[in-house]
């Protein structure tokens, strides 16, 4: 079982970097680079395993966060929602203005995962458990536990007193997203020289796997 937890931690690092940080955040939300449909499907599946739920909801909330950063309409501002509510991801948004998501509904892969993320997650859980409870722990359970902690910390501790800030320690669970002040000051592709997701993306761009559009 200890090996399952260790493998699960390593697996979580992979899917957090690819699915959430590179995928939902930098590719889908900020359009900082272009990639093909295989990359899109992989990032959406990995993000589903990491507990992102509806990718359209995740991206819309993030875009709204940037538009109203540390203001009352910021969906997860600790200044207005409270630290623990943000850290535990207990905040909700009743509805998003269409401007935050209208482009996403034009992509059939995005719409498919938006409509079926729950079935995809449950199917992965059932199949992995049938293979082995240890596979279930590593493949599904560990990401489901670690992702809310890591990205809840980003939302809660990287915005203090109405201002964004860097908090490198949380990079251990958030795939480089701890360089948060750099991001809020215009960095969308690689936030910092020690940003591990940005490092991977930069190298993928150098060999032509993806095409960088903006910083």
Foldseek 3Di string as FASTA:
>chain_A
DVVLLVLLLVLLLVLLLLQPQVALAQCVQPNQWDADPVSNLSNLLSVLLLVCQQSLVNSLLVNQCLVQPLHCSNQQACVNPNQVCLLQVVTDDPDGDCVRRVVQVVDPSSVVCNVCSVVSLVVVLVVLVVVHVSSNCRRRVSSNPLSSNLVSCQSRVQADPSAGAADVVSCSRRQQCSLPNQVSVPDRQASDPPRRSSVVSVVCCVVPNMPGDGD
